[in-house]
Amino acid sequence: MFFRKMTTDEKANTDKAIRSFLFFLIALGGSSIYSYLNKAELNISFMILMSGLVVFFVSDFLFGKFSKKQFPS
């Protein structure tokens, strides 16, 4: 009810955005966990990982905005 069904263009754009984020998720997530277990504090890798989440959602939004301009319904 809260979420509407995604169109094929929106699904493709989400796939593009997630591919760019997966590398950062794996690399920085592993580094953050290792550092947290050794030093018991959050480091810059965690901050970069959180900023990566912001980049994912912004790029998903922008891909959707630009694809609607190129492919009007």
C-alpha atoms as a PDB file:
ATOM      1  CA  MET A   1       0.000   0.000   0.000  1.00  0.00           C
ATOM      2  CA  PHE A   2       2.724   2.446   0.946  1.00  0.00           C
ATOM      3  CA  PHE A   3       4.990   1.590  -1.989  1.00  0.00           C
ATOM      4  CA  ARG A   4       3.800   1.600  -5.560  1.00  0.00           C
ATOM      5  CA  LYS A   5       4.912  -0.992  -8.085  1.00  0.00           C
ATOM      6  CA  MET A   6       8.137  -0.036  -9.867  1.00  0.00           C
ATOM      7  CA  THR A   7       8.210   0.320 -13.616  1.00  0.00           C
ATOM      8  CA  THR A   8      10.812  -1.520 -15.689  1.00  0.00           C
ATOM      9  CA  ASP A   9      12.794   1.707 -16.119  1.00  0.00           C
ATOM     10  CA  GLU A  10      12.838   2.283 -12.370  1.00  0.00           C
ATOM     11  CA  LYS A  11      13.980  -1.293 -11.764  1.00  0.00           C
ATOM     12  CA  ALA A  12      16.809  -0.882 -14.289  1.00  0.00           C
ATOM     13  CA  ASN A  13      17.880   2.397 -12.682  1.00  0.00           C
ATOM     14  CA  THR A  14      17.876   0.837  -9.228  1.00  0.00           C
ATOM     15  CA  ASP A  15      20.047  -1.989 -10.540  1.00  0.00           C
ATOM     16  CA  LYS A  16      22.525   0.554 -11.935  1.00  0.00           C
ATOM     17  CA  ALA A  17      22.683   2.380  -8.617  1.00  0.00           C
ATOM     18  CA  ILE A  18      23.131  -0.771  -6.540  1.00  0.00           C
ATOM     19  CA  ARG A  19      26.029  -2.006  -8.694  1.00  0.00           C
ATOM     20  CA  SER A  20      27.950   1.175  -7.967  1.00  0.00           C
ATOM     21  CA  PHE A  21      27.333   0.780  -4.242  1.00  0.00           C
ATOM     22  CA  LEU A  22      28.070  -2.926  -3.760  1.00  0.00           C
ATOM     23  CA  PHE A  23      31.835  -2.536  -3.891  1.00  0.00           C
ATOM     24  CA  PHE A  24      31.793   0.094  -1.143  1.00  0.00           C
ATOM     25  CA  LEU A  25      29.395  -1.948   0.944  1.00  0.00           C
ATOM     26  CA  ILE A  26      31.611  -5.020   0.918  1.00  0.00           C
ATOM     27  CA  ALA A  27      35.010  -3.329   1.224  1.00  0.00           C
ATOM     28  CA  LEU A  28      34.167  -0.691   3.799  1.00  0.00           C
ATOM     29  CA  GLY A  29      31.771  -2.904   5.720  1.00  0.00           C
ATOM     30  CA  GLY A  30      34.464  -5.519   6.195  1.00  0.00           C
ATOM     31  CA  SER A  31      37.010  -2.896   7.139  1.00  0.00           C
ATOM     32  CA  SER A  32      34.641  -1.249   9.620  1.00  0.00           C
ATOM     33  CA  ILE A  33      33.762  -4.530  11.319  1.00  0.00           C
ATOM     34  CA  TYR A  34      37.422  -5.541  11.574  1.00  0.00           C
ATOM     35  CA  SER A  35      38.409  -2.148  12.972  1.00  0.00           C
ATOM     36  CA  TYR A  36      35.510  -2.101  15.419  1.00  0.00           C
ATOM     37  CA  LEU A  37      36.374  -5.539  16.755  1.00  0.00           C
ATOM     38  CA  ASN A  38      40.039  -4.627  17.197  1.00  0.00           C
ATOM     39  CA  LYS A  39      39.763  -1.048  18.499  1.00  0.00           C
ATOM     40  CA  ALA A  40      36.128  -0.903  19.746  1.00  0.00           C
ATOM     41  CA  GLU A  41      35.502   2.435  18.018  1.00  0.00           C
ATOM     42  CA  LEU A  42      33.964   3.551  14.755  1.00  0.00           C
ATOM     43  CA  ASN A  43      36.480   4.848  12.247  1.00  0.00           C
ATOM     44  CA  ILE A  44      36.462   6.762   8.985  1.00  0.00           C
ATOM     45  CA  SER A  45      35.533   3.619   7.040  1.00  0.00           C
ATOM     46  CA  PHE A  46      32.183   3.593   8.800  1.00  0.00           C
ATOM     47  CA  MET A  47      31.616   7.251   7.924  1.00  0.00           C
ATOM     48  CA  ILE A  48      32.495   6.549   4.282  1.00  0.00           C
ATOM     49  CA  LEU A  49      30.113   3.594   4.306  1.00  0.00           C
ATOM     50  CA  MET A  50      27.281   5.774   5.591  1.00  0.00           C
ATOM     51  CA  SER A  51      28.018   8.435   2.989  1.00  0.00           C
ATOM     52  CA  GLY A  52      27.876   5.647   0.404  1.00  0.00           C
ATOM     53  CA  LEU A  53      24.301   4.990   1.458  1.00  0.00           C
ATOM     54  CA  VAL A  54      23.512   8.627   0.747  1.00  0.00           C
ATOM     55  CA  VAL A  55      25.223   8.362  -2.655  1.00  0.00           C
ATOM     56  CA  PHE A  56      23.135   5.284  -3.471  1.00  0.00           C
ATOM     57  CA  PHE A  57      19.814   6.954  -2.744  1.00  0.00           C
ATOM     58  CA  VAL A  58      20.774  10.181  -4.514  1.00  0.00           C
ATOM     59  CA  SER A  59      21.998   8.335  -7.607  1.00  0.00           C
ATOM     60  CA  ASP A  60      18.847   6.211  -7.638  1.00  0.00           C
ATOM     61  CA  PHE A  61      16.781   9.401  -7.549  1.00  0.00           C
ATOM     62  CA  LEU A  62      18.847  11.070 -10.273  1.00  0.00           C
ATOM     63  CA  PHE A  63      18.771   8.019 -12.566  1.00  0.00           C
ATOM     64  CA  GLY A  64      15.004   8.006 -12.209  1.00  0.00           C
ATOM     65  CA  LYS A  65      14.712  11.733 -12.877  1.00  0.00           C
ATOM     66  CA  PHE A  66      16.897  11.696 -15.986  1.00  0.00           C
ATOM     67  CA  SER A  67      15.355   8.549 -17.428  1.00  0.00           C
ATOM     68  CA  LYS A  68      11.884  10.105 -17.217  1.00  0.00           C
ATOM     69  CA  LYS A  69      13.140  13.080 -19.226  1.00  0.00           C
ATOM     70  CA  GLN A  70      14.578  10.786 -21.888  1.00  0.00           C
ATOM     71  CA  PHE A  71      11.695   8.303 -21.968  1.00  0.00           C
ATOM     72  CA  PRO A  72       8.422  10.096 -21.251  1.00  0.00           C
ATOM     73  CA  SER A  73       5.438   7.818 -20.562  1.00  0.00           C
END
